[in-house]
Amino acid sequence: MPSAMRAGPALGRRAPAPVVVHSAPLVLPVCTDPIRDGAVAVRGDRVVKVDTRASVLSSFRGAAEVRWTGMIVAGLVDACAAVPTTGPGVTARAGVLSDLADPPGVRGISYVEVTSRSEEEWEAHGRDAVITALREVDRPCAVGIAAHTRDPQVLEDVAVLARTFGLRLLVDLDRHSPAALDEAGVLGPLCHVVCARPLDPGERKLLRLRKTVVAVCPSPAPDVLALLDEGNPVALATGPPLGGTAPDTANGVAEPALPADGLAGPAEPADGVAGRPAPTGVLAVAGAIRRNARELGVRSRGLDGKLVRAATLGGARALGMDRGDGRIGSLAPGTRADFAVFDARGRYPYAALLSQPPWLGTVVGGAVCVG
């Protein structure tokens, strides 16, 4: 083929985005072992390489380098956020919509809440209100359904609705037992549950068999450790199971129950120790679980690493964003360039991160946001 003909189509191609290298004394990809003196190469909104700084710089000679102090870790994921704001290092969240006009905030899933009190109410206007809400949400993140109804027939129909529209489900275990949710067809890999109460061995086993992620709020450590040790997929959540919403409403879509400033009011100590303030971020929840375990003398092999994975990959799995190109919760070629930087150092990287070190900044989709 003539060279002129070969060159023709190339003239209309857009030049690839330049590679930017983010390096730090320590990189926690989460999906692989920590890397000392590591680096993350980013092109556009994707990670193209994660390795030692020397290896990455040699692969992309001339690339601009952003040199961070401390630690780069895959972006944290809040599996049920209490308020629209996010904690340090959070790059994705699951939140229950209180107002369809709310700004989208960070990437993740926005859940439309269902609170119909009876099948009659659901049939009369609840279903139509929810479907309308789902269609009218104008935001870049995905949309799901938060099944906060107590009626079993409504719950079953919500599960069918979610499967029909290909939507994820969010439910809380303060309203329903895992057995009741399973009978209604709710449990499964497309659903995650929020839990702030102890689960018995049978409940944990059922959730594990259904591959349903359990998003734990700050709660007594032994129950969380049992979930982790038995192999349940676990995520971390900062919000209450109900998403901060009001009781059932007449139209089947809940109204917000937060104060005018959008912040939750005073809460009881969430880590089980009287007088101690409740955790305010995903790392704080993980740190509280770890601290409780130590205070109770309960040991779990590799607990620090498990908690960091729950705060990252576990949350990504809860949102269904842990697979494929653009996945989140880890750092590897093809993942979305979402990560956080903390001023964490030391011989034991997971422990250093759980000590809640100062937050230095966040990179979301390749864009730097300084802390």
Protein backbone atom coordinates (compact mmCIF):
# COMPACT_ATOMS: atom_id res chain seq x y z
CA MET A 1 0.00 0.00 0.00
CA PRO A 2 1.42 3.47 -0.82
CA SER A 3 2.85 5.29 2.15
CA ALA A 4 0.57 8.27 1.52
CA MET A 5 -2.49 6.05 1.80
CA ARG A 6 -1.16 4.49 4.98
CA ALA A 7 -0.55 7.87 6.54
CA GLY A 8 -3.97 9.27 5.63
CA PRO A 9 -6.12 7.75 8.39
CA ALA A 10 -3.44 8.44 10.98
CA LEU A 11 -3.80 12.18 10.39
CA GLY A 12 -7.26 12.11 11.95
CA ARG A 13 -6.24 10.11 15.00
CA ARG A 14 -5.99 11.83 18.33
CA ALA A 15 -2.54 11.66 19.91
CA PRO A 16 -2.47 9.43 22.99
CA ALA A 17 -2.47 11.18 26.33
CA PRO A 18 0.98 11.62 27.87
CA VAL A 19 2.05 9.30 30.64
CA VAL A 20 2.39 10.76 34.13
CA VAL A 21 4.37 8.81 36.73
CA HIS A 22 3.31 9.05 40.40
CA SER A 23 6.02 7.71 42.70
CA ALA A 24 6.37 7.32 46.46
CA PRO A 25 8.55 5.50 48.98
CA LEU A 26 5.76 2.92 49.27
CA VAL A 27 2.97 1.80 46.94
CA LEU A 28 0.09 -0.46 48.06
CA PRO A 29 -1.58 -1.86 44.92
CA VAL A 30 -3.77 -4.06 47.20
CA CYS A 31 -4.05 -6.78 44.54
CA THR A 32 -0.31 -7.51 44.90
CA ASP A 33 2.35 -7.12 47.57
CA PRO A 34 3.49 -3.65 48.69
CA ILE A 35 6.24 -2.11 46.57
CA ARG A 36 9.08 -0.22 48.20
CA ASP A 37 10.19 2.86 46.23
CA GLY A 38 7.32 2.21 43.84
CA ALA A 39 5.51 4.09 41.11
CA VAL A 40 2.21 4.16 39.24
CA ALA A 41 2.22 5.15 35.57
CA VAL A 42 -1.00 6.82 34.44
CA ARG A 43 -2.23 7.62 30.92
CA GLY A 44 -5.47 9.57 30.88
CA ASP A 45 -7.76 7.97 33.46
CA ARG A 46 -6.11 4.52 33.37
CA VAL A 47 -3.16 2.91 35.08
CA VAL A 48 -0.67 1.48 32.59
CA LYS A 49 2.03 0.12 34.90
CA VAL A 50 2.71 -0.43 38.60
CA ASP A 51 6.21 -1.43 39.64
CA THR A 52 9.36 -0.09 41.22
CA ARG A 53 10.15 3.53 40.43
CA ALA A 54 13.26 2.54 38.49
CA SER A 55 11.33 0.08 36.31
CA VAL A 56 8.46 2.47 35.59
CA LEU A 57 10.73 5.42 34.75
CA SER A 58 12.80 3.25 32.42
CA SER A 59 9.63 2.13 30.63
CA PHE A 60 8.40 5.70 30.14
CA ARG A 61 11.49 7.81 29.59
CA GLY A 62 10.78 11.50 29.58
CA ALA A 63 7.44 11.13 31.36
CA ALA A 64 6.51 13.79 33.88
CA GLU A 65 6.92 12.57 37.45
CA VAL A 66 4.90 13.53 40.51
CA ARG A 67 6.96 12.59 43.55
CA TRP A 68 4.88 12.00 46.68
CA THR A 69 6.08 11.52 50.22
CA GLY A 70 4.61 8.66 52.21
CA MET A 71 2.37 6.00 50.67
CA ILE A 72 0.24 5.59 47.54
CA VAL A 73 -2.69 3.22 48.07
CA ALA A 74 -5.60 2.21 45.84
CA GLY A 75 -8.58 4.51 46.35
CA LEU A 76 -10.78 3.77 49.34
CA VAL A 77 -14.42 2.79 48.75
CA ASP A 78 -17.22 3.63 51.19
CA ALA A 79 -19.86 0.90 50.75
CA CYS A 80 -22.60 3.00 52.40
CA ALA A 81 -21.83 6.64 53.06
CA ALA A 82 -23.61 8.50 55.86
CA VAL A 83 -23.64 11.89 54.11
CA PRO A 84 -22.83 13.16 50.60
CA THR A 85 -19.36 14.24 51.71
CA THR A 86 -16.54 11.70 51.69
CA GLY A 87 -13.76 10.84 54.07
CA PRO A 88 -10.02 11.18 53.39
CA GLY A 89 -8.84 9.04 50.49
CA VAL A 90 -12.32 7.93 49.38
CA THR A 91 -12.61 7.80 45.57
CA ALA A 92 -15.94 5.94 45.25
CA ARG A 93 -19.01 5.52 47.43
CA ALA A 94 -22.47 4.05 47.67
CA GLY A 95 -25.05 6.51 48.89
CA VAL A 96 -28.83 6.64 49.23
CA LEU A 97 -30.33 9.56 47.31
CA SER A 98 -32.20 12.07 49.43
CA ASP A 99 -32.76 14.47 46.55
CA LEU A 100 -32.47 13.75 42.82
CA ALA A 101 -30.97 17.21 42.38
CA ASP A 102 -28.03 16.43 44.69
CA PRO A 103 -24.63 16.86 43.01
CA PRO A 104 -23.10 13.51 42.01
CA GLY A 105 -20.07 13.79 44.27
CA VAL A 106 -17.48 11.08 43.78
CA ARG A 107 -17.82 8.10 41.50
CA GLY A 108 -19.85 5.12 42.68
CA ILE A 109 -23.52 4.19 42.92
CA SER A 110 -26.49 6.33 43.91
CA TYR A 111 -29.38 4.27 45.29
CA VAL A 112 -33.03 5.28 44.98
CA GLU A 113 -34.75 4.28 48.21
CA VAL A 114 -37.93 2.17 48.36
CA THR A 115 -39.96 2.46 51.57
CA SER A 116 -43.51 1.41 50.60
CA ARG A 117 -45.32 0.08 53.66
CA SER A 118 -47.62 -2.34 51.87
CA GLU A 119 -48.15 -4.09 48.55
CA GLU A 120 -51.22 -1.92 47.91
CA GLU A 121 -49.21 1.26 48.38
CA TRP A 122 -46.46 -0.10 46.14
CA GLU A 123 -48.91 -1.04 43.39
CA ALA A 124 -50.82 2.25 43.63
CA HIS A 125 -47.90 4.63 43.20
CA GLY A 126 -44.69 3.32 44.80
CA ARG A 127 -43.44 1.37 41.79
CA ASP A 128 -44.16 4.20 39.34
CA ALA A 129 -42.46 6.73 41.62
CA VAL A 130 -39.32 4.62 41.84
CA ILE A 131 -39.19 3.93 38.09
CA THR A 132 -39.61 7.63 37.40
CA ALA A 133 -36.85 8.45 39.87
CA LEU A 134 -34.52 5.92 38.25
CA ARG A 135 -35.12 7.43 34.83
CA GLU A 136 -34.71 11.03 35.96
CA VAL A 137 -31.43 10.67 37.80
CA ASP A 138 -28.91 12.63 35.74
CA ARG A 139 -25.49 11.81 37.06
CA PRO A 140 -22.32 10.11 35.83
CA CYS A 141 -22.34 7.37 38.43
CA ALA A 142 -24.48 4.25 38.31
CA VAL A 143 -27.92 3.99 39.90
CA GLY A 144 -29.33 1.20 42.08
CA ILE A 145 -32.24 0.49 44.43
CA ALA A 146 -32.05 0.61 48.22
CA ALA A 147 -34.71 -1.84 49.37
CA HIS A 148 -35.77 -0.38 52.71
CA THR A 149 -39.32 -1.70 52.69
CA ARG A 150 -40.46 -4.14 55.35
CA ASP A 151 -43.19 -5.72 53.24
CA PRO A 152 -42.03 -9.11 51.84
CA GLN A 153 -44.14 -8.84 48.67
CA VAL A 154 -42.78 -5.39 47.89
CA LEU A 155 -39.29 -6.66 48.58
CA GLU A 156 -39.78 -9.52 46.12
CA ASP A 157 -41.07 -7.17 43.42
CA VAL A 158 -38.14 -4.80 44.00
CA ALA A 159 -35.77 -7.70 43.40
CA VAL A 160 -37.53 -8.48 40.10
CA LEU A 161 -37.42 -4.78 39.15
CA ALA A 162 -33.69 -4.62 39.83
CA ARG A 163 -33.00 -7.70 37.72
CA THR A 164 -35.18 -6.34 34.90
CA PHE A 165 -33.31 -3.02 34.78
CA GLY A 166 -29.92 -4.59 35.53
CA LEU A 167 -29.54 -2.58 38.74
CA ARG A 168 -27.67 -3.32 41.93
CA LEU A 169 -29.49 -3.68 45.25
CA LEU A 170 -28.64 -2.34 48.69
CA VAL A 171 -30.41 -3.69 51.79
CA ASP A 172 -29.81 -3.54 55.51
CA LEU A 173 -29.87 -6.44 57.91
CA ASP A 174 -31.59 -4.47 60.68
CA ARG A 175 -34.85 -4.75 58.72
CA HIS A 176 -34.58 -8.27 57.33
CA SER A 177 -32.84 -11.53 58.11
CA PRO A 178 -30.62 -13.03 55.40
CA ALA A 179 -33.11 -15.93 55.14
CA ALA A 180 -36.01 -13.55 54.39
CA LEU A 181 -33.93 -11.69 51.83
CA ASP A 182 -32.94 -14.94 50.18
CA GLU A 183 -36.56 -16.11 50.02
CA ALA A 184 -37.48 -12.83 48.27
CA GLY A 185 -34.70 -13.35 45.70
CA VAL A 186 -32.67 -10.37 46.88
CA LEU A 187 -29.37 -11.98 47.84
CA GLY A 188 -26.70 -12.62 45.25
CA PRO A 189 -23.57 -11.10 43.72
CA LEU A 190 -25.57 -8.10 42.46
CA CYS A 191 -26.57 -7.13 46.00
CA HIS A 192 -24.66 -5.97 49.04
CA VAL A 193 -25.98 -5.74 52.58
CA VAL A 194 -25.15 -3.22 55.29
CA CYS A 195 -24.81 -4.66 58.75
CA ALA A 196 -24.39 -3.11 62.19
CA ARG A 197 -25.46 -6.15 64.25
CA PRO A 198 -23.91 -9.53 65.05
CA LEU A 199 -24.62 -12.33 62.57
CA ASP A 200 -24.90 -15.95 63.64
CA PRO A 201 -22.87 -18.65 61.84
CA GLY A 202 -25.86 -19.71 59.71
CA GLU A 203 -26.47 -16.15 58.52
CA ARG A 204 -22.81 -15.66 57.66
CA LYS A 205 -22.78 -18.95 55.75
CA LEU A 206 -25.89 -18.07 53.72
CA LEU A 207 -24.44 -14.70 52.73
CA ARG A 208 -21.17 -16.39 51.82
CA LEU A 209 -22.90 -19.01 49.66
CA ARG A 210 -24.85 -16.29 47.84
CA LYS A 211 -21.61 -14.31 47.27
CA THR A 212 -23.21 -11.27 48.85
CA VAL A 213 -20.81 -8.63 50.15
CA VAL A 214 -21.34 -7.59 53.78
CA ALA A 215 -20.62 -3.90 54.36
CA VAL A 216 -19.91 -3.57 58.06
CA CYS A 217 -20.51 -0.38 60.00
CA PRO A 218 -18.43 0.16 63.13
CA SER A 219 -19.39 -2.81 65.27
CA PRO A 220 -17.99 -5.21 67.87
CA ALA A 221 -14.77 -6.70 66.51
CA PRO A 222 -15.36 -10.45 67.04
CA ASP A 223 -18.27 -10.55 64.59
CA VAL A 224 -16.30 -8.69 61.91
CA LEU A 225 -13.34 -10.99 62.47
CA ALA A 226 -15.58 -14.02 62.03
CA LEU A 227 -16.77 -12.69 58.68
CA LEU A 228 -13.19 -12.10 57.56
CA ASP A 229 -11.82 -15.40 58.85
CA GLU A 230 -14.65 -17.47 57.35
CA GLY A 231 -14.15 -16.00 53.89
CA ASN A 232 -17.19 -13.73 53.56
CA PRO A 233 -16.61 -10.86 51.12
CA VAL A 234 -16.45 -7.80 53.38
CA ALA A 235 -16.55 -4.06 52.73
CA LEU A 236 -16.55 -1.10 55.11
CA ALA A 237 -19.27 1.53 55.51
CA THR A 238 -19.34 4.80 57.39
CA GLY A 239 -23.09 5.32 57.27
CA PRO A 240 -25.99 3.85 59.20
CA PRO A 241 -27.86 0.96 57.56
CA LEU A 242 -30.81 3.20 56.73
CA GLY A 243 -28.70 5.74 54.88
CA GLY A 244 -29.84 8.49 57.26
CA THR A 245 -33.38 8.53 55.90
CA ALA A 246 -36.74 9.03 57.52
CA PRO A 247 -39.37 6.37 58.18
CA ASP A 248 -41.68 5.05 55.47
CA THR A 249 -43.41 7.63 53.31
CA ALA A 250 -46.60 7.62 51.33
CA ASN A 251 -45.08 7.61 47.84
CA GLY A 252 -42.54 4.88 48.45
CA VAL A 253 -39.49 7.12 48.05
CA ALA A 254 -37.99 8.34 51.31
CA GLU A 255 -37.35 11.96 52.18
CA PRO A 256 -34.07 13.09 53.76
CA ALA A 257 -33.82 13.08 57.53
CA LEU A 258 -30.53 14.97 57.86
CA PRO A 259 -30.26 18.43 59.43
CA ALA A 260 -30.22 21.45 57.16
CA ASP A 261 -26.44 21.53 57.05
CA GLY A 262 -26.35 18.00 55.62
CA LEU A 263 -24.36 16.60 58.52
CA ALA A 264 -25.41 13.79 60.80
CA GLY A 265 -26.14 14.70 64.37
CA PRO A 266 -24.35 13.38 67.45
CA ALA A 267 -23.94 9.64 67.47
CA GLU A 268 -23.27 7.03 70.07
CA PRO A 269 -19.68 5.76 70.17
CA ALA A 270 -19.50 3.37 67.23
CA ASP A 271 -16.46 1.38 68.24
CA GLY A 272 -17.99 -0.04 71.40
CA VAL A 273 -15.98 2.05 73.89
CA ALA A 274 -17.87 4.60 75.97
CA GLY A 275 -16.76 8.19 75.53
CA ARG A 276 -14.83 7.55 72.33
CA PRO A 277 -15.93 9.52 69.25
CA ALA A 278 -17.40 7.59 66.35
CA PRO A 279 -15.15 6.90 63.35
CA THR A 280 -15.58 9.44 60.58
CA GLY A 281 -13.98 7.74 57.56
CA VAL A 282 -13.35 4.34 56.02
CA LEU A 283 -9.86 4.11 57.54
CA ALA A 284 -11.30 5.18 60.88
CA VAL A 285 -13.82 2.32 60.71
CA ALA A 286 -11.02 -0.14 59.93
CA GLY A 287 -8.88 1.31 62.71
CA ALA A 288 -11.75 0.99 65.21
CA ILE A 289 -12.26 -2.68 64.33
CA ARG A 290 -8.53 -3.34 64.73
CA ARG A 291 -8.39 -1.46 68.04
CA ASN A 292 -11.41 -3.31 69.42
CA ALA A 293 -9.88 -6.65 68.52
CA ARG A 294 -6.71 -5.78 70.41
CA GLU A 295 -8.59 -4.50 73.44
CA LEU A 296 -10.63 -7.71 73.57
CA GLY A 297 -7.55 -9.87 73.11
CA VAL A 298 -8.91 -11.36 69.88
CA ARG A 299 -6.32 -12.22 67.24
CA SER A 300 -6.81 -12.79 63.53
CA ARG A 301 -3.98 -13.71 61.21
CA GLY A 302 -3.21 -10.95 58.71
CA LEU A 303 -5.95 -8.70 60.11
CA ASP A 304 -4.35 -5.42 59.00
CA GLY A 305 -4.11 -6.56 55.37
CA LYS A 306 -7.67 -7.91 55.43
CA LEU A 307 -9.03 -4.61 56.70
CA VAL A 308 -7.19 -2.60 54.04
CA ARG A 309 -8.53 -4.96 51.36
CA ALA A 310 -12.04 -4.54 52.79
CA ALA A 311 -11.64 -0.76 52.55
CA THR A 312 -10.57 -0.96 48.90
CA LEU A 313 -11.25 -4.14 46.92
CA GLY A 314 -14.09 -5.16 49.23
CA GLY A 315 -15.89 -1.89 48.61
CA ALA A 316 -15.26 -2.16 44.87
CA ARG A 317 -16.82 -5.63 44.90
CA ALA A 318 -19.85 -4.31 46.82
CA LEU A 319 -20.40 -1.78 44.04
CA GLY A 320 -19.73 -4.33 41.28
CA MET A 321 -16.71 -2.34 40.12
CA ASP A 322 -13.91 -4.79 40.87
CA ARG A 323 -13.62 -6.40 37.42
CA GLY A 324 -12.77 -5.42 33.86
CA ASP A 325 -11.15 -2.37 32.36
CA GLY A 326 -11.64 0.68 34.56
CA ARG A 327 -12.11 -1.40 37.72
CA ILE A 328 -11.43 0.25 41.07
CA GLY A 329 -10.16 -0.84 44.49
CA SER A 330 -6.70 -1.89 43.27
CA LEU A 331 -3.80 -0.63 41.16
CA ALA A 332 -2.76 -2.63 38.09
CA PRO A 333 -2.64 -2.12 34.32
CA GLY A 334 -6.18 -1.31 33.15
CA THR A 335 -7.55 -0.15 36.49
CA ARG A 336 -9.00 3.33 36.81
CA ALA A 337 -6.38 5.79 38.04
CA ASP A 338 -8.00 6.28 41.45
CA PHE A 339 -5.68 6.31 44.43
CA ALA A 340 -4.97 8.13 47.65
CA VAL A 341 -1.73 9.33 49.23
CA PHE A 342 -1.11 9.28 52.97
CA ASP A 343 1.88 10.34 55.02
CA ALA A 344 2.34 6.76 56.22
CA ARG A 345 5.70 5.14 56.77
CA GLY A 346 7.18 2.20 58.59
CA ARG A 347 8.14 -1.42 58.36
CA TYR A 348 4.54 -2.64 58.39
CA PRO A 349 2.64 -0.75 55.67
CA TYR A 350 -0.89 -1.98 56.43
CA ALA A 351 -0.51 -1.15 60.11
CA ALA A 352 0.88 2.27 59.22
CA LEU A 353 -2.13 2.99 57.04
CA LEU A 354 -4.62 1.90 59.72
CA SER A 355 -3.05 4.31 62.20
CA GLN A 356 -4.91 7.05 60.25
CA PRO A 357 -1.91 9.06 59.05
CA PRO A 358 -2.29 12.53 57.52
CA TRP A 359 -3.98 12.54 54.11
CA LEU A 360 -1.84 14.23 51.46
CA GLY A 361 -4.05 14.02 48.40
CA THR A 362 -6.16 11.93 46.04
CA VAL A 363 -5.92 11.12 42.34
CA VAL A 364 -9.33 10.45 40.76
CA GLY A 365 -9.47 9.41 37.12
CA GLY A 366 -5.89 10.64 36.73
CA ALA A 367 -6.67 14.14 38.09
CA VAL A 368 -4.82 15.25 41.22
CA CYS A 369 -6.83 16.62 44.16
CA VAL A 370 -4.55 17.85 46.92
CA GLY A 371 -5.71 17.09 50.46
